Amino acid sequence: MSPSDRTSSSTKCIDTQTKHKEVIMTLNKRSDTTYSLPHPQHNKSSMRIFFININGLYSSTTKLQDVFVTARGINAEIIGMAETNTDWKKHHLQNRYTTALRQLSNNYKQFEAWKSANNQFTTSSIKTKTDSQRGGTVQSKQDERINRKYDNGIAWNKLLITELQAAAFTTWKFRNKDIYGHSKEEEEAIHLQKLKTTVRREYERRLTYPTRIQWRYFTRTVSDRVNDTAQMLQAWYINLKTAIAANEERPIVAIGTG
């Protein structure tokens, strides 16, 4: 490679790095850009949750307000923030958050619903000398369906278990109907078809049964037998199994043997 080619290659590399830095700087300035599909229309039958890694709640004087403005834009009823970097064990910090939220709801009508919000704080049990501490979360709920006195962690767990159990039962019931029929007529037809299959299977193994049972229960052809009603097929199958069980308990011994 000639010196001129190496110089040209180095220039192109520098230009690429410069453009890359420009793009990164541009994206960093767009901290409020949302990359997602359009939010579906909100309704009372659903609950919307807004979650953010806040990376220090009090690192900016407007960060808390910005979070609630964003959450208000999507009609969120629950707001969750992680990495608050706040020692929530100190009550004055919890009061600071509650007071800021109350002032926000008093000064702006669109945040009026958050006036009676239920706030929950979590942080490390390690003691600190300052108000700052790594980690920490805060959750605020304003949904009118949430009763702050009764809807605690235990109540939410009970509700979750109940809903999961109901969903599992609904799924099982629907699957059960797929197997046994969604109507009385369909259920009877499926039951009759299963009985016919069972009868055909018994006819296929009839030669393995004692001669007495063959002459008593298999005198008709299988094509003729399966034309019977479900009740008759059920009774025939029960009688057959009873006879087989009785023969196994007291087998018939041919004369002149044994």
Protein backbone atom coordinates (compact mmCIF):
# COMPACT_ATOMS: atom_id res chain seq x y z
CA MET A 1 0.00 0.00 0.00
CA SER A 2 1.39 3.39 -0.96
CA PRO A 3 1.72 6.29 1.54
CA SER A 4 -1.12 8.14 -0.20
CA ASP A 5 -3.46 5.13 0.19
CA ARG A 6 -2.63 4.85 3.89
CA THR A 7 -3.34 8.56 4.36
CA SER A 8 -6.69 8.23 2.58
CA SER A 9 -7.67 5.23 4.71
CA SER A 10 -6.76 7.06 7.94
CA THR A 11 -8.81 10.09 6.87
CA LYS A 12 -11.86 7.91 6.18
CA CYS A 13 -11.50 6.25 9.60
CA ILE A 14 -11.34 9.64 11.36
CA ASP A 15 -14.42 10.86 9.42
CA THR A 16 -16.36 7.74 10.46
CA GLN A 17 -15.46 8.20 14.14
CA THR A 18 -16.42 11.86 13.99
CA LYS A 19 -19.82 11.08 12.49
CA HIS A 20 -20.36 8.35 15.10
CA LYS A 21 -19.63 10.79 17.94
CA GLU A 22 -22.04 13.32 16.42
CA VAL A 23 -24.81 10.71 16.31
CA ILE A 24 -24.16 9.67 19.92
CA MET A 25 -24.23 13.28 21.11
CA THR A 26 -27.48 13.87 19.23
CA LEU A 27 -29.13 10.83 20.82
CA ASN A 28 -27.93 11.83 24.28
CA LYS A 29 -29.70 15.17 23.89
CA ARG A 30 -32.95 13.34 23.15
CA SER A 31 -33.45 11.95 26.63
CA ASP A 32 -37.23 12.33 26.34
CA THR A 33 -37.53 10.27 23.17
CA THR A 34 -39.81 7.23 23.44
CA TYR A 35 -38.98 4.20 21.34
CA SER A 36 -42.07 1.99 21.34
CA LEU A 37 -45.28 1.16 19.53
CA PRO A 38 -48.19 3.59 19.91
CA HIS A 39 -50.00 3.07 23.20
CA PRO A 40 -53.47 1.51 22.85
CA GLN A 41 -56.43 3.55 24.03
CA HIS A 42 -56.75 3.43 27.79
CA ASN A 43 -59.98 2.22 29.40
CA LYS A 44 -61.29 1.48 32.88
CA SER A 45 -61.02 -2.28 32.43
CA SER A 46 -57.23 -2.09 32.24
CA MET A 47 -54.45 -0.84 34.47
CA ARG A 48 -51.44 1.02 33.11
CA ILE A 49 -48.07 0.90 34.87
CA PHE A 50 -45.17 3.28 34.22
CA PHE A 51 -41.70 2.10 35.30
CA ILE A 52 -38.36 3.86 34.99
CA ASN A 53 -34.79 3.47 36.19
CA ILE A 54 -34.55 6.98 37.61
CA ASN A 55 -30.78 6.85 38.26
CA GLY A 56 -31.00 9.15 41.26
CA LEU A 57 -34.35 10.71 42.07
CA TYR A 58 -32.98 13.92 43.55
CA SER A 59 -30.09 14.37 41.13
CA SER A 60 -32.24 16.99 39.41
CA THR A 61 -34.77 19.39 40.90
CA THR A 62 -37.27 18.71 38.11
CA LYS A 63 -36.78 14.94 37.72
CA LEU A 64 -39.73 13.96 39.93
CA GLN A 65 -42.08 16.33 38.11
CA ASP A 66 -40.83 15.10 34.74
CA VAL A 67 -41.61 11.51 35.72
CA PHE A 68 -45.18 12.33 36.70
CA VAL A 69 -45.71 14.43 33.58
CA THR A 70 -44.60 11.50 31.44
CA ALA A 71 -46.77 9.05 33.40
CA ARG A 72 -49.72 11.41 33.12
CA GLY A 73 -49.25 11.47 29.36
CA ILE A 74 -50.05 7.73 29.15
CA ASN A 75 -52.67 7.78 31.95
CA ALA A 76 -50.65 5.52 34.23
CA GLU A 77 -52.23 4.54 37.56
CA ILE A 78 -49.06 3.06 39.03
CA ILE A 79 -45.59 4.60 38.86
CA GLY A 80 -42.52 2.59 39.77
CA MET A 81 -39.01 4.00 40.07
CA ALA A 82 -35.82 2.01 40.60
CA GLU A 83 -32.32 3.16 41.52
CA THR A 84 -33.60 6.20 43.38
CA ASN A 85 -30.27 6.32 45.25
CA THR A 86 -32.15 7.55 48.31
CA ASP A 87 -32.02 6.23 51.87
CA TRP A 88 -35.77 5.78 52.34
CA LYS A 89 -35.22 4.55 55.92
CA LYS A 90 -35.07 8.21 56.86
CA HIS A 91 -38.62 9.48 57.33
CA HIS A 92 -37.83 13.03 56.32
CA LEU A 93 -36.95 11.76 52.83
CA GLN A 94 -40.27 9.93 52.57
CA ASN A 95 -42.03 13.10 53.75
CA ARG A 96 -40.10 15.12 51.16
CA TYR A 97 -41.38 12.84 48.39
CA THR A 98 -44.95 12.87 49.72
CA THR A 99 -44.92 16.65 50.10
CA ALA A 100 -43.60 17.17 46.57
CA LEU A 101 -46.31 14.91 45.19
CA ARG A 102 -48.98 16.74 47.21
CA GLN A 103 -47.77 20.12 45.96
CA LEU A 104 -47.83 18.82 42.41
CA SER A 105 -51.43 17.64 42.78
CA ASN A 106 -52.48 20.91 44.43
CA ASN A 107 -50.92 23.18 41.83
CA TYR A 108 -51.91 21.27 38.69
CA LYS A 109 -55.43 20.01 38.12
CA GLN A 110 -54.30 17.15 35.86
CA PHE A 111 -52.42 15.64 38.83
CA GLU A 112 -55.31 15.99 41.28
CA ALA A 113 -55.86 12.21 41.35
CA TRP A 114 -52.40 11.73 42.90
CA LYS A 115 -53.32 13.74 46.01
CA SER A 116 -54.28 10.57 47.93
CA ALA A 117 -51.67 8.33 46.31
CA ASN A 118 -50.36 5.31 48.18
CA ASN A 119 -46.54 5.42 48.27
CA GLN A 120 -44.29 2.51 49.15
CA PHE A 121 -40.52 2.80 49.67
CA THR A 122 -37.80 0.16 49.76
CA THR A 123 -34.09 0.52 50.41
CA SER A 124 -31.10 -1.31 51.79
CA SER A 125 -30.98 -2.03 55.53
CA ILE A 126 -27.39 -0.76 55.66
CA LYS A 127 -27.16 2.42 57.72
CA THR A 128 -25.78 5.55 56.06
CA LYS A 129 -24.67 8.91 57.38
CA THR A 130 -26.03 10.81 54.38
CA ASP A 131 -29.39 10.90 52.62
CA SER A 132 -27.93 9.16 49.60
CA GLN A 133 -27.77 5.38 49.28
CA ARG A 134 -27.26 3.13 46.29
CA GLY A 135 -30.37 1.39 44.97
CA GLY A 136 -33.77 2.00 46.45
CA THR A 137 -37.22 1.97 44.89
CA VAL A 138 -40.47 3.89 45.23
CA GLN A 139 -43.92 2.98 44.01
CA SER A 140 -46.92 5.31 43.82
CA LYS A 141 -50.50 4.18 43.13
CA GLN A 142 -53.49 6.42 42.47
CA ASP A 143 -55.95 3.99 40.91
CA GLU A 144 -59.37 4.46 42.53
CA ARG A 145 -59.71 0.66 42.59
CA ILE A 146 -56.76 0.50 45.01
CA ASN A 147 -57.69 0.93 48.67
CA ARG A 148 -54.57 2.06 50.50
CA LYS A 149 -55.82 0.60 53.80
CA TYR A 150 -56.56 -2.91 52.58
CA ASP A 151 -54.60 -3.35 49.33
CA ASN A 152 -51.20 -4.11 50.83
CA GLY A 153 -48.67 -6.72 49.77
CA ILE A 154 -50.62 -9.62 51.28
CA ALA A 155 -53.87 -8.52 49.64
CA TRP A 156 -52.17 -8.15 46.27
CA ASN A 157 -50.69 -11.64 46.58
CA LYS A 158 -54.11 -13.08 47.41
CA LEU A 159 -55.66 -11.25 44.46
CA LEU A 160 -52.90 -12.48 42.13
CA ILE A 161 -53.31 -16.09 43.28
CA THR A 162 -57.09 -15.86 42.89
CA GLU A 163 -56.83 -14.43 39.38
CA LEU A 164 -54.25 -17.05 38.34
CA GLN A 165 -56.44 -19.81 39.74
CA ALA A 166 -59.47 -18.43 37.90
CA ALA A 167 -57.49 -18.20 34.65
CA ALA A 168 -56.22 -21.76 35.07
CA PHE A 169 -59.74 -23.04 35.77
CA THR A 170 -61.14 -21.19 32.75
CA THR A 171 -58.41 -22.68 30.55
CA TRP A 172 -59.05 -26.16 31.95
CA LYS A 173 -62.81 -25.82 31.44
CA PHE A 174 -62.38 -24.70 27.84
CA ARG A 175 -59.94 -27.55 27.18
CA ASN A 176 -62.34 -29.96 28.86
CA LYS A 177 -65.08 -28.84 26.49
CA ASP A 178 -62.76 -29.38 23.54
CA ILE A 179 -62.35 -32.98 24.69
CA TYR A 180 -65.91 -33.75 25.81
CA GLY A 181 -67.97 -31.29 23.75
CA HIS A 182 -69.21 -27.70 23.98
CA SER A 183 -72.90 -28.70 23.95
CA LYS A 184 -75.05 -31.58 25.18
CA GLU A 185 -75.40 -33.00 21.67
CA GLU A 186 -71.67 -32.71 20.98
CA GLU A 187 -70.87 -34.29 24.34
CA GLU A 188 -73.15 -37.25 23.64
CA ALA A 189 -71.68 -37.71 20.15
CA ILE A 190 -68.10 -37.73 21.51
CA HIS A 191 -69.11 -40.19 24.26
CA LEU A 192 -70.74 -42.53 21.72
CA GLN A 193 -67.68 -42.40 19.47
CA LYS A 194 -65.41 -43.32 22.38
CA LEU A 195 -67.65 -46.26 23.26
CA LYS A 196 -67.55 -47.51 19.67
CA THR A 197 -63.76 -47.29 19.71
CA THR A 198 -63.66 -49.27 22.97
CA VAL A 199 -66.00 -51.94 21.57
CA ARG A 200 -63.88 -52.34 18.42
CA ARG A 201 -60.78 -52.72 20.57
CA GLU A 202 -62.45 -55.49 22.60
CA TYR A 203 -63.45 -57.31 19.42
CA GLU A 204 -59.85 -57.18 18.21
CA ARG A 205 -58.67 -58.98 21.37
CA ARG A 206 -61.66 -61.33 21.72
CA LEU A 207 -59.60 -64.42 20.76
CA THR A 208 -57.50 -63.94 23.89
CA TYR A 209 -60.58 -64.42 26.10
CA PRO A 210 -61.95 -67.81 27.24
CA THR A 211 -64.27 -69.60 24.82
CA ARG A 212 -67.24 -69.22 27.15
CA ILE A 213 -66.87 -65.43 27.13
CA GLN A 214 -66.40 -65.38 23.36
CA TRP A 215 -69.67 -67.30 22.81
CA ARG A 216 -71.55 -65.13 25.27
CA TYR A 217 -70.40 -61.62 24.33
CA PHE A 218 -69.12 -61.77 20.76
CA THR A 219 -71.90 -63.59 18.88
CA ARG A 220 -72.76 -60.44 16.92
CA THR A 221 -70.44 -58.85 14.40
CA VAL A 222 -68.63 -55.70 15.40
CA SER A 223 -70.32 -53.66 12.63
CA ASP A 224 -73.70 -54.71 14.02
CA ARG A 225 -72.71 -54.12 17.66
CA VAL A 226 -71.52 -50.53 17.17
CA ASN A 227 -74.97 -49.54 15.84
CA ASP A 228 -76.40 -49.90 19.36
CA THR A 229 -77.14 -46.90 21.53
CA ALA A 230 -74.58 -45.49 23.97
CA GLN A 231 -76.46 -46.98 26.93
CA MET A 232 -76.44 -50.47 25.36
CA LEU A 233 -72.75 -50.27 24.47
CA GLN A 234 -71.92 -49.09 27.97
CA ALA A 235 -73.89 -51.96 29.53
CA TRP A 236 -72.26 -54.51 27.19
CA TYR A 237 -68.77 -53.29 28.05
CA ILE A 238 -69.45 -53.32 31.81
CA ASN A 239 -70.87 -56.87 31.66
CA LEU A 240 -67.90 -58.04 29.60
CA LYS A 241 -65.36 -56.67 32.07
CA THR A 242 -67.31 -58.14 35.00
CA ALA A 243 -67.32 -61.57 33.37
CA ILE A 244 -63.59 -61.38 32.63
CA ALA A 245 -62.84 -60.41 36.23
CA ALA A 246 -65.02 -63.25 37.58
CA ASN A 247 -63.31 -65.74 35.29
CA GLU A 248 -59.88 -64.64 36.51
CA GLU A 249 -60.97 -65.14 40.12
CA ARG A 250 -62.54 -68.61 39.43
CA PRO A 251 -61.14 -69.93 36.18
CA ILE A 252 -63.04 -72.71 34.42
CA VAL A 253 -60.97 -75.92 34.41
CA ALA A 254 -61.68 -78.38 31.58
CA ILE A 255 -62.69 -81.93 32.61
CA GLY A 256 -59.88 -84.44 32.53
CA THR A 257 -57.10 -81.88 33.05
CA GLY A 258 -55.14 -80.82 36.07
